[in-house]
Amino acid sequence: MATSEDDIAKKEVQEAVWTWSFRLVVLAVTFGFGLFTGWVLWGAGIQGAPALRKQVVDMDARILELKNKQVDIDGQLTVTKDRLTKCDADRQRCLAAATAPR
């Protein structure tokens, strides 16, 4: 009797090992398929690397355009400040001339 109980226990352990092995294999395959699918979509999907490369080119062009505009605006600001300084100096001279006794 002891032998058959040992055989039964041995078969139960083997079945448990096979069951968990199968579950781990299914889990590994599912996880691997998910990683592979993500890699493929990143590499060639609608929002993947090709789309991002085009977006980078567009953004670089936009950045260059904005930098050029900033240089133009900085130049205009410099000219405007110079003119304002000249106008203030002229105003001060006019005020001094108007308030000076004759």
PDB file of N, CA and C in Angstrom:
ATOM      1  N   MET A   1       0.816  -1.195   0.000  1.00  0.00           N
ATOM      2  CA  MET A   1       0.000   0.000   0.000  1.00  0.00           C
ATOM      3  C   MET A   1       0.854   1.250   0.000  1.00  0.00           C
ATOM      4  N   ALA A   2       1.954   1.195   0.706  1.00  0.00           N
ATOM      5  CA  ALA A   2       2.806   2.365   0.807  1.00  0.00           C
ATOM      6  C   ALA A   2       3.364   2.745  -0.556  1.00  0.00           C
ATOM      7  N   THR A   3       3.599   1.751  -1.386  1.00  0.00           N
ATOM      8  CA  THR A   3       4.145   2.019  -2.701  1.00  0.00           C
ATOM      9  C   THR A   3       3.129   2.732  -3.578  1.00  0.00           C
ATOM     10  N   SER A   4       1.876   2.319  -3.539  1.00  0.00           N
ATOM     11  CA  SER A   4       0.872   2.958  -4.373  1.00  0.00           C
ATOM     12  C   SER A   4       0.604   4.382  -3.913  1.00  0.00           C
ATOM     13  N   GLU A   5       0.665   4.622  -2.600  1.00  0.00           N
ATOM     14  CA  GLU A   5       0.494   5.992  -2.111  1.00  0.00           C
ATOM     15  C   GLU A   5       1.669   6.853  -2.561  1.00  0.00           C
ATOM     16  N   ASP A   6       2.870   6.273  -2.548  1.00  0.00           N
ATOM     17  CA  ASP A   6       4.039   7.007  -3.026  1.00  0.00           C
ATOM     18  C   ASP A   6       3.929   7.283  -4.518  1.00  0.00           C
ATOM     19  N   ASP A   7       3.416   6.301  -5.268  1.00  0.00           N
ATOM     20  CA  ASP A   7       3.228   6.494  -6.708  1.00  0.00           C
ATOM     21  C   ASP A   7       2.190   7.578  -6.985  1.00  0.00           C
ATOM     22  N   ILE A   8       1.117   7.566  -6.231  1.00  0.00           N
ATOM     23  CA  ILE A   8       0.063   8.570  -6.397  1.00  0.00           C
ATOM     24  C   ILE A   8       0.617   9.963  -6.064  1.00  0.00           C
ATOM     25  N   ALA A   9       1.348  10.060  -4.981  1.00  0.00           N
ATOM     26  CA  ALA A   9       1.937  11.345  -4.588  1.00  0.00           C
ATOM     27  C   ALA A   9       2.940  11.815  -5.638  1.00  0.00           C
ATOM     28  N   LYS A  10       3.708  10.858  -6.180  1.00  0.00           N
ATOM     29  CA  LYS A  10       4.692  11.186  -7.200  1.00  0.00           C
ATOM     30  C   LYS A  10       4.004  11.703  -8.457  1.00  0.00           C
ATOM     31  N   LYS A  11       2.886  11.061  -8.861  1.00  0.00           N
ATOM     32  CA  LYS A  11       2.141  11.497 -10.040  1.00  0.00           C
ATOM     33  C   LYS A  11       1.521  12.880  -9.818  1.00  0.00           C
ATOM     34  N   GLU A  12       1.038  13.134  -8.601  1.00  0.00           N
ATOM     35  CA  GLU A  12       0.453  14.445  -8.299  1.00  0.00           C
ATOM     36  C   GLU A  12       1.519  15.540  -8.383  1.00  0.00           C
ATOM     37  N   VAL A  13       2.694  15.240  -7.878  1.00  0.00           N
ATOM     38  CA  VAL A  13       3.789  16.219  -7.946  1.00  0.00           C
ATOM     39  C   VAL A  13       4.188  16.443  -9.396  1.00  0.00           C
ATOM     40  N   GLN A  14       4.263  15.374 -10.192  1.00  0.00           N
ATOM     41  CA  GLN A  14       4.613  15.519 -11.605  1.00  0.00           C
ATOM     42  C   GLN A  14       3.567  16.343 -12.349  1.00  0.00           C
ATOM     43  N   GLU A  15       2.292  16.090 -12.064  1.00  0.00           N
ATOM     44  CA  GLU A  15       1.227  16.855 -12.705  1.00  0.00           C
ATOM     45  C   GLU A  15       1.305  18.326 -12.313  1.00  0.00           C
ATOM     46  N   ALA A  16       1.588  18.594 -11.043  1.00  0.00           N
ATOM     47  CA  ALA A  16       1.713  19.982 -10.588  1.00  0.00           C
ATOM     48  C   ALA A  16       2.897  20.662 -11.276  1.00  0.00           C
ATOM     49  N   VAL A  17       4.006  19.945 -11.401  1.00  0.00           N
ATOM     50  CA  VAL A  17       5.185  20.504 -12.065  1.00  0.00           C
ATOM     51  C   VAL A  17       4.874  20.795 -13.529  1.00  0.00           C
ATOM     52  N   TRP A  18       4.215  19.846 -14.221  1.00  0.00           N
ATOM     53  CA  TRP A  18       3.864  20.061 -15.627  1.00  0.00           C
ATOM     54  C   TRP A  18       2.864  21.216 -15.780  1.00  0.00           C
ATOM     55  N   THR A  19       1.903  21.292 -14.871  1.00  0.00           N
ATOM     56  CA  THR A  19       0.909  22.364 -14.941  1.00  0.00           C
ATOM     57  C   THR A  19       1.575  23.727 -14.798  1.00  0.00           C
ATOM     58  N   TRP A  20       2.438  23.869 -13.794  1.00  0.00           N
ATOM     59  CA  TRP A  20       3.096  25.158 -13.582  1.00  0.00           C
ATOM     60  C   TRP A  20       4.112  25.449 -14.676  1.00  0.00           C
ATOM     61  N   SER A  21       4.745  24.423 -15.186  1.00  0.00           N
ATOM     62  CA  SER A  21       5.675  24.628 -16.304  1.00  0.00           C
ATOM     63  C   SER A  21       4.923  25.149 -17.517  1.00  0.00           C
ATOM     64  N   PHE A  22       3.768  24.546 -17.809  1.00  0.00           N
ATOM     65  CA  PHE A  22       2.948  24.986 -18.934  1.00  0.00           C
ATOM     66  C   PHE A  22       2.500  26.434 -18.734  1.00  0.00           C
ATOM     67  N   ARG A  23       2.070  26.772 -17.510  1.00  0.00           N
ATOM     68  CA  ARG A  23       1.619  28.139 -17.227  1.00  0.00           C
ATOM     69  C   ARG A  23       2.763  29.138 -17.424  1.00  0.00           C
ATOM     70  N   LEU A  24       3.962  28.778 -16.973  1.00  0.00           N
ATOM     71  CA  LEU A  24       5.106  29.674 -17.144  1.00  0.00           C
ATOM     72  C   LEU A  24       5.483  29.840 -18.613  1.00  0.00           C
ATOM     73  N   VAL A  25       5.387  28.745 -19.374  1.00  0.00           N
ATOM     74  CA  VAL A  25       5.681  28.831 -20.810  1.00  0.00           C
ATOM     75  C   VAL A  25       4.657  29.726 -21.502  1.00  0.00           C
ATOM     76  N   VAL A  26       3.388  29.568 -21.168  1.00  0.00           N
ATOM     77  CA  VAL A  26       2.340  30.418 -21.767  1.00  0.00           C
ATOM     78  C   VAL A  26       2.577  31.874 -21.394  1.00  0.00           C
ATOM     79  N   LEU A  27       2.916  32.125 -20.157  1.00  0.00           N
ATOM     80  CA  LEU A  27       3.197  33.489 -19.711  1.00  0.00           C
ATOM     81  C   LEU A  27       4.405  34.067 -20.443  1.00  0.00           C
ATOM     82  N   ALA A  28       5.459  33.293 -20.587  1.00  0.00           N
ATOM     83  CA  ALA A  28       6.659  33.763 -21.287  1.00  0.00           C
ATOM     84  C   ALA A  28       6.363  34.043 -22.752  1.00  0.00           C
ATOM     85  N   VAL A  29       5.596  33.170 -23.399  1.00  0.00           N
ATOM     86  CA  VAL A  29       5.243  33.374 -24.813  1.00  0.00           C
ATOM     87  C   VAL A  29       4.388  34.629 -24.964  1.00  0.00           C
ATOM     88  N   THR A  30       3.413  34.808 -24.074  1.00  0.00           N
ATOM     89  CA  THR A  30       2.555  35.988 -24.136  1.00  0.00           C
ATOM     90  C   THR A  30       3.370  37.261 -23.928  1.00  0.00           C
ATOM     91  N   PHE A  31       4.234  37.266 -22.934  1.00  0.00           N
ATOM     92  CA  PHE A  31       5.080  38.424 -22.661  1.00  0.00           C
ATOM     93  C   PHE A  31       6.020  38.693 -23.832  1.00  0.00           C
ATOM     94  N   GLY A  32       6.615  37.648 -24.373  1.00  0.00           N
ATOM     95  CA  GLY A  32       7.510  37.794 -25.529  1.00  0.00           C
ATOM     96  C   GLY A  32       6.784  38.327 -26.745  1.00  0.00           C
ATOM     97  N   PHE A  33       5.564  37.839 -26.997  1.00  0.00           N
ATOM     98  CA  PHE A  33       4.786  38.333 -28.131  1.00  0.00           C
ATOM     99  C   PHE A  33       4.446  39.805 -27.942  1.00  0.00           C
ATOM    100  N   GLY A  34       4.126  40.199 -26.717  1.00  0.00           N
ATOM    101  CA  GLY A  34       3.834  41.602 -26.440  1.00  0.00           C
ATOM    102  C   GLY A  34       5.046  42.487 -26.691  1.00  0.00           C
ATOM    103  N   LEU A  35       6.209  42.045 -26.242  1.00  0.00           N
ATOM    104  CA  LEU A  35       7.436  42.805 -26.500  1.00  0.00           C
ATOM    105  C   LEU A  35       7.731  42.901 -27.993  1.00  0.00           C
ATOM    106  N   PHE A  36       7.578  41.789 -28.699  1.00  0.00           N
ATOM    107  CA  PHE A  36       7.828  41.787 -30.140  1.00  0.00           C
ATOM    108  C   PHE A  36       6.862  42.712 -30.862  1.00  0.00           C
ATOM    109  N   THR A  37       5.587  42.656 -30.490  1.00  0.00           N
ATOM    110  CA  THR A  37       4.591  43.524 -31.116  1.00  0.00           C
ATOM    111  C   THR A  37       4.898  44.992 -30.844  1.00  0.00           C
ATOM    112  N   GLY A  38       5.265  45.314 -29.627  1.00  0.00           N
ATOM    113  CA  GLY A  38       5.631  46.683 -29.299  1.00  0.00           C
ATOM    114  C   GLY A  38       6.841  47.154 -30.082  1.00  0.00           C
ATOM    115  N   TRP A  39       7.817  46.282 -30.218  1.00  0.00           N
ATOM    116  CA  TRP A  39       9.021  46.632 -30.983  1.00  0.00           C
ATOM    117  C   TRP A  39       8.686  46.883 -32.441  1.00  0.00           C
ATOM    118  N   VAL A  40       7.849  46.035 -33.021  1.00  0.00           N
ATOM    119  CA  VAL A  40       7.465  46.202 -34.424  1.00  0.00           C
ATOM    120  C   VAL A  40       6.672  47.495 -34.607  1.00  0.00           C
ATOM    121  N   LEU A  41       5.727  47.762 -33.719  1.00  0.00           N
ATOM    122  CA  LEU A  41       4.938  48.983 -33.837  1.00  0.00           C
ATOM    123  C   LEU A  41       5.801  50.221 -33.631  1.00  0.00           C
ATOM    124  N   TRP A  42       6.765  50.159 -32.729  1.00  0.00           N
ATOM    125  CA  TRP A  42       7.644  51.297 -32.530  1.00  0.00           C
ATOM    126  C   TRP A  42       8.499  51.516 -33.777  1.00  0.00           C
ATOM    127  N   GLY A  43       8.937  50.433 -34.384  1.00  0.00           N
ATOM    128  CA  GLY A  43       9.822  50.543 -35.538  1.00  0.00           C
ATOM    129  C   GLY A  43       9.122  50.930 -36.816  1.00  0.00           C
ATOM    130  N   ALA A  44       7.872  50.505 -36.992  1.00  0.00           N
ATOM    131  CA  ALA A  44       7.221  50.746 -38.274  1.00  0.00           C
ATOM    132  C   ALA A  44       5.773  51.156 -38.141  1.00  0.00           C
ATOM    133  N   GLY A  45       5.306  51.412 -36.951  1.00  0.00           N
ATOM    134  CA  GLY A  45       3.902  51.748 -36.758  1.00  0.00           C
ATOM    135  C   GLY A  45       3.565  53.162 -37.200  1.00  0.00           C
ATOM    136  N   ILE A  46       2.298  53.520 -37.052  1.00  0.00           N
ATOM    137  CA  ILE A  46       1.816  54.834 -37.453  1.00  0.00           C
ATOM    138  C   ILE A  46       2.527  55.925 -36.676  1.00  0.00           C
ATOM    139  N   GLN A  47       2.740  55.687 -35.390  1.00  0.00           N
ATOM    140  CA  GLN A  47       3.425  56.667 -34.555  1.00  0.00           C
ATOM    141  C   GLN A  47       4.834  56.187 -34.212  1.00  0.00           C
ATOM    142  N   GLY A  48       5.377  55.340 -35.036  1.00  0.00           N
ATOM    143  CA  GLY A  48       6.687  54.760 -34.769  1.00  0.00           C
ATOM    144  C   GLY A  48       7.828  55.637 -35.232  1.00  0.00           C
ATOM    145  N   ALA A  49       8.989  55.021 -35.364  1.00  0.00           N
ATOM    146  CA  ALA A  49      10.214  55.741 -35.681  1.00  0.00           C
ATOM    147  C   ALA A  49      10.139  56.531 -36.996  1.00  0.00           C
ATOM    148  N   PRO A  50       9.572  55.987 -38.094  1.00  0.00           N
ATOM    149  CA  PRO A  50       9.513  56.789 -39.322  1.00  0.00           C
ATOM    150  C   PRO A  50       8.709  58.079 -39.150  1.00  0.00           C
ATOM    151  N   ALA A  51       7.596  57.987 -38.451  1.00  0.00           N
ATOM    152  CA  ALA A  51       6.786  59.186 -38.221  1.00  0.00           C
ATOM    153  C   ALA A  51       7.539  60.164 -37.330  1.00  0.00           C
ATOM    154  N   LEU A  52       8.252  59.646 -36.343  1.00  0.00           N
ATOM    155  CA  LEU A  52       9.011  60.520 -35.454  1.00  0.00           C
ATOM    156  C   LEU A  52      10.167  61.182 -36.182  1.00  0.00           C
ATOM    157  N   ARG A  53      10.794  60.482 -37.127  1.00  0.00           N
ATOM    158  CA  ARG A  53      11.881  61.090 -37.901  1.00  0.00           C
ATOM    159  C   ARG A  53      11.370  62.280 -38.701  1.00  0.00           C
ATOM    160  N   LYS A  54      10.218  62.133 -39.328  1.00  0.00           N
ATOM    161  CA  LYS A  54       9.629  63.231 -40.091  1.00  0.00           C
ATOM    162  C   LYS A  54       9.271  64.380 -39.157  1.00  0.00           C
ATOM    163  N   GLN A  55       8.755  64.051 -38.001  1.00  0.00           N
ATOM    164  CA  GLN A  55       8.384  65.068 -37.035  1.00  0.00           C
ATOM    165  C   GLN A  55       9.620  65.836 -36.547  1.00  0.00           C
ATOM    166  N   VAL A  56      10.735  65.151 -36.379  1.00  0.00           N
ATOM    167  CA  VAL A  56      11.963  65.808 -35.953  1.00  0.00           C
ATOM    168  C   VAL A  56      12.426  66.796 -37.015  1.00  0.00           C
ATOM    169  N   VAL A  57      12.352  66.419 -38.274  1.00  0.00           N
ATOM    170  CA  VAL A  57      12.749  67.322 -39.362  1.00  0.00           C
ATOM    171  C   VAL A  57      11.855  68.562 -39.361  1.00  0.00           C
ATOM    172  N   ASP A  58      10.543  68.356 -39.223  1.00  0.00           N
ATOM    173  CA  ASP A  58       9.611  69.486 -39.191  1.00  0.00           C
ATOM    174  C   ASP A  58       9.885  70.391 -37.992  1.00  0.00           C
ATOM    175  N   MET A  59      10.135  69.790 -36.837  1.00  0.00           N
ATOM    176  CA  MET A  59      10.391  70.591 -35.638  1.00  0.00           C
ATOM    177  C   MET A  59      11.714  71.348 -35.744  1.00  0.00           C
ATOM    178  N   ASP A  60      12.728  70.734 -36.333  1.00  0.00           N
ATOM    179  CA  ASP A  60      13.999  71.431 -36.521  1.00  0.00           C
ATOM    180  C   ASP A  60      13.824  72.647 -37.427  1.00  0.00           C
ATOM    181  N   ALA A  61      13.034  72.497 -38.496  1.00  0.00           N
ATOM    182  CA  ALA A  61      12.767  73.628 -39.387  1.00  0.00           C
ATOM    183  C   ALA A  61      12.015  74.725 -38.645  1.00  0.00           C
ATOM    184  N   ARG A  62      11.059  74.344 -37.833  1.00  0.00           N
ATOM    185  CA  ARG A  62      10.282  75.326 -37.055  1.00  0.00           C
ATOM    186  C   ARG A  62      11.174  76.043 -36.041  1.00  0.00           C
ATOM    187  N   ILE A  63      12.067  75.319 -35.394  1.00  0.00           N
ATOM    188  CA  ILE A  63      12.990  75.920 -34.430  1.00  0.00           C
ATOM    189  C   ILE A  63      13.908  76.927 -35.122  1.00  0.00           C
ATOM    190  N   LEU A  64      14.423  76.566 -36.291  1.00  0.00           N
ATOM    191  CA  LEU A  64      15.280  77.476 -37.042  1.00  0.00           C
ATOM    192  C   LEU A  64      14.521  78.745 -37.422  1.00  0.00           C
ATOM    193  N   GLU A  65      13.276  78.580 -37.862  1.00  0.00           N
ATOM    194  CA  GLU A  65      12.443  79.731 -38.216  1.00  0.00           C
ATOM    195  C   GLU A  65      12.227  80.639 -37.005  1.00  0.00           C
ATOM    196  N   LEU A  66      11.940  80.038 -35.854  1.00  0.00           N
ATOM    197  CA  LEU A  66      11.720  80.825 -34.639  1.00  0.00           C
ATOM    198  C   LEU A  66      13.003  81.539 -34.188  1.00  0.00           C
ATOM    199  N   LYS A  67      14.146  80.879 -34.338  1.00  0.00           N
ATOM    200  CA  LYS A  67      15.404  81.525 -33.973  1.00  0.00           C
ATOM    201  C   LYS A  67      15.671  82.722 -34.877  1.00  0.00           C
ATOM    202  N   ASN A  68      15.393  82.581 -36.160  1.00  0.00           N
ATOM    203  CA  ASN A  68      15.580  83.692 -37.092  1.00  0.00           C
ATOM    204  C   ASN A  68      14.655  84.850 -36.732  1.00  0.00           C
ATOM    205  N   LYS A  69      13.412  84.544 -36.386  1.00  0.00           N
ATOM    206  CA  LYS A  69      12.483  85.596 -35.970  1.00  0.00           C
ATOM    207  C   LYS A  69      12.972  86.279 -34.704  1.00  0.00           C
ATOM    208  N   GLN A  70      13.524  85.504 -33.779  1.00  0.00           N
ATOM    209  CA  GLN A  70      14.027  86.073 -32.538  1.00  0.00           C
ATOM    210  C   GLN A  70      15.182  87.028 -32.810  1.00  0.00           C
ATOM    211  N   VAL A  71      16.076  86.668 -33.730  1.00  0.00           N
ATOM    212  CA  VAL A  71      17.183  87.553 -34.084  1.00  0.00           C
ATOM    213  C   VAL A  71      16.640  88.847 -34.683  1.00  0.00           C
ATOM    214  N   ASP A  72      15.635  88.729 -35.560  1.00  0.00           N
ATOM    215  CA  ASP A  72      15.032  89.929 -36.149  1.00  0.00           C
ATOM    216  C   ASP A  72      14.396  90.811 -35.077  1.00  0.00           C
ATOM    217  N   ILE A  73      13.681  90.204 -34.164  1.00  0.00           N
ATOM    218  CA  ILE A  73      13.006  90.968 -33.104  1.00  0.00           C
ATOM    219  C   ILE A  73      14.032  91.607 -32.172  1.00  0.00           C
ATOM    220  N   ASP A  74      15.112  90.882 -31.866  1.00  0.00           N
ATOM    221  CA  ASP A  74      16.163  91.470 -31.029  1.00  0.00           C
ATOM    222  C   ASP A  74      16.782  92.679 -31.717  1.00  0.00           C
ATOM    223  N   GLY A  75      16.976  92.589 -33.022  1.00  0.00           N
ATOM    224  CA  GLY A  75      17.507  93.736 -33.777  1.00  0.00           C
ATOM    225  C   GLY A  75      16.553  94.918 -33.734  1.00  0.00           C
ATOM    226  N   GLN A  76      15.260  94.656 -33.910  1.00  0.00           N
ATOM    227  CA  GLN A  76      14.271  95.723 -33.834  1.00  0.00           C
ATOM    228  C   GLN A  76      14.247  96.347 -32.447  1.00  0.00           C
ATOM    229  N   LEU A  77      14.391  95.540 -31.419  1.00  0.00           N
ATOM    230  CA  LEU A  77      14.404  96.045 -30.047  1.00  0.00           C
ATOM    231  C   LEU A  77      15.607  96.960 -29.819  1.00  0.00           C
ATOM    232  N   THR A  78      16.750  96.560 -30.330  1.00  0.00           N
ATOM    233  CA  THR A  78      17.953  97.380 -30.183  1.00  0.00           C
ATOM    234  C   THR A  78      17.772  98.736 -30.865  1.00  0.00           C
ATOM    235  N   VAL A  79      17.254  98.724 -32.093  1.00  0.00           N
ATOM    236  CA  VAL A  79      17.018  99.973 -32.821  1.00  0.00           C
ATOM    237  C   VAL A  79      16.005 100.837 -32.076  1.00  0.00           C
ATOM    238  N   THR A  80      14.949 100.219 -31.578  1.00  0.00           N
ATOM    239  CA  THR A  80      13.911 100.959 -30.863  1.00  0.00           C
ATOM    240  C   THR A  80      14.464 101.585 -29.590  1.00  0.00           C
ATOM    241  N   LYS A  81      15.290 100.835 -28.856  1.00  0.00           N
ATOM    242  CA  LYS A  81      15.891 101.388 -27.639  1.00  0.00           C
ATOM    243  C   LYS A  81      16.801 102.563 -27.970  1.00  0.00           C
ATOM    244  N   ASP A  82      17.580 102.439 -29.044  1.00  0.00           N
ATOM    245  CA  ASP A  82      18.449 103.551 -29.449  1.00  0.00           C
ATOM    246  C   ASP A  82      17.622 104.788 -29.792  1.00  0.00           C
ATOM    247  N   ARG A  83      16.550 104.598 -30.536  1.00  0.00           N
ATOM    248  CA  ARG A  83      15.689 105.725 -30.894  1.00  0.00           C
ATOM    249  C   ARG A  83      15.038 106.331 -29.658  1.00  0.00           C
ATOM    250  N   LEU A  84      14.620 105.482 -28.714  1.00  0.00           N
ATOM    251  CA  LEU A  84      14.012 105.978 -27.482  1.00  0.00           C
ATOM    252  C   LEU A  84      15.026 106.804 -26.680  1.00  0.00           C
ATOM    253  N   THR A  85      16.251 106.312 -26.608  1.00  0.00           N
ATOM    254  CA  THR A  85      17.295 107.055 -25.902  1.00  0.00           C
ATOM    255  C   THR A  85      17.523 108.411 -26.561  1.00  0.00           C
ATOM    256  N   LYS A  86      17.565 108.443 -27.892  1.00  0.00           N
ATOM    257  CA  LYS A  86      17.756 109.705 -28.628  1.00  0.00           C
ATOM    258  C   LYS A  86      16.572 110.636 -28.397  1.00  0.00           C
ATOM    259  N   CYS A  87      15.364 110.093 -28.429  1.00  0.00           N
ATOM    260  CA  CYS A  87      14.179 110.918 -28.195  1.00  0.00           C
ATOM    261  C   CYS A  87      14.170 111.482 -26.778  1.00  0.00           C
ATOM    262  N   ASP A  88      14.564 110.681 -25.796  1.00  0.00           N
ATOM    263  CA  ASP A  88      14.634 111.175 -24.416  1.00  0.00           C
ATOM    264  C   ASP A  88      15.659 112.299 -24.293  1.00  0.00           C
ATOM    265  N   ALA A  89      16.806 112.118 -24.954  1.00  0.00           N
ATOM    266  CA  ALA A  89      17.836 113.167 -24.921  1.00  0.00           C
ATOM    267  C   ALA A  89      17.315 114.440 -25.579  1.00  0.00           C
ATOM    268  N   ASP A  90      16.635 114.298 -26.721  1.00  0.00           N
ATOM    269  CA  ASP A  90      16.051 115.469 -27.402  1.00  0.00           C
ATOM    270  C   ASP A  90      14.998 116.129 -26.530  1.00  0.00           C
ATOM    271  N   ARG A  91      14.185 115.360 -25.853  1.00  0.00           N
ATOM    272  CA  ARG A  91      13.144 115.900 -24.984  1.00  0.00           C
ATOM    273  C   ARG A  91      13.764 116.666 -23.826  1.00  0.00           C
ATOM    274  N   GLN A  92      14.827 116.092 -23.262  1.00  0.00           N
ATOM    275  CA  GLN A  92      15.507 116.771 -22.160  1.00  0.00           C
ATOM    276  C   GLN A  92      16.098 118.104 -22.625  1.00  0.00           C
ATOM    277  N   ARG A  93      16.672 118.125 -23.826  1.00  0.00           N
ATOM    278  CA  ARG A  93      17.222 119.363 -24.369  1.00  0.00           C
ATOM    279  C   ARG A  93      16.125 120.392 -24.609  1.00  0.00           C
ATOM    280  N   CYS A  94      14.981 119.912 -25.137  1.00  0.00           N
ATOM    281  CA  CYS A  94      13.862 120.816 -25.389  1.00  0.00           C
ATOM    282  C   CYS A  94      13.310 121.369 -24.086  1.00  0.00           C
ATOM    283  N   LEU A  95      13.194 120.522 -23.059  1.00  0.00           N
ATOM    284  CA  LEU A  95      12.709 120.998 -21.767  1.00  0.00           C
ATOM    285  C   LEU A  95      13.672 122.005 -21.155  1.00  0.00           C
ATOM    286  N   ALA A  96      14.967 121.717 -21.270  1.00  0.00           N
ATOM    287  CA  ALA A  96      15.969 122.618 -20.736  1.00  0.00           C
ATOM    288  C   ALA A  96      15.923 123.957 -21.470  1.00  0.00           C
ATOM    289  N   ALA A  97      15.741 123.895 -22.773  1.00  0.00           N
ATOM    290  CA  ALA A  97      15.690 125.135 -23.562  1.00  0.00           C
ATOM    291  C   ALA A  97      14.430 125.913 -23.254  1.00  0.00           C
ATOM    292  N   ALA A  98      13.332 125.201 -22.992  1.00  0.00           N
ATOM    293  CA  ALA A  98      12.048 125.893 -22.725  1.00  0.00           C
ATOM    294  C   ALA A  98      12.039 126.527 -21.331  1.00  0.00           C
ATOM    295  N   THR A  99      12.716 125.906 -20.386  1.00  0.00           N
ATOM    296  CA  THR A  99      12.700 126.441 -19.036  1.00  0.00           C
ATOM    297  C   THR A  99      13.867 127.392 -18.783  1.00  0.00           C
ATOM    298  N   ALA A 100      14.764 127.514 -19.708  1.00  0.00           N
ATOM    299  CA  ALA A 100      15.916 128.413 -19.517  1.00  0.00           C
ATOM    300  C   ALA A 100      15.462 129.871 -19.624  1.00  0.00           C
ATOM    301  N   PRO A 101      15.975 130.710 -18.765  1.00  0.00           N
ATOM    302  CA  PRO A 101      15.591 132.130 -18.852  1.00  0.00           C
ATOM    303  C   PRO A 101      16.193 132.778 -20.094  1.00  0.00           C
ATOM    304  N   ARG A 102      15.458 133.707 -20.648  1.00  0.00           N
ATOM    305  CA  ARG A 102      15.919 134.346 -21.882  1.00  0.00           C
ATOM    306  C   ARG A 102      16.385 135.714 -21.616  1.00  0.00           C
TER     307      ARG A 102
END
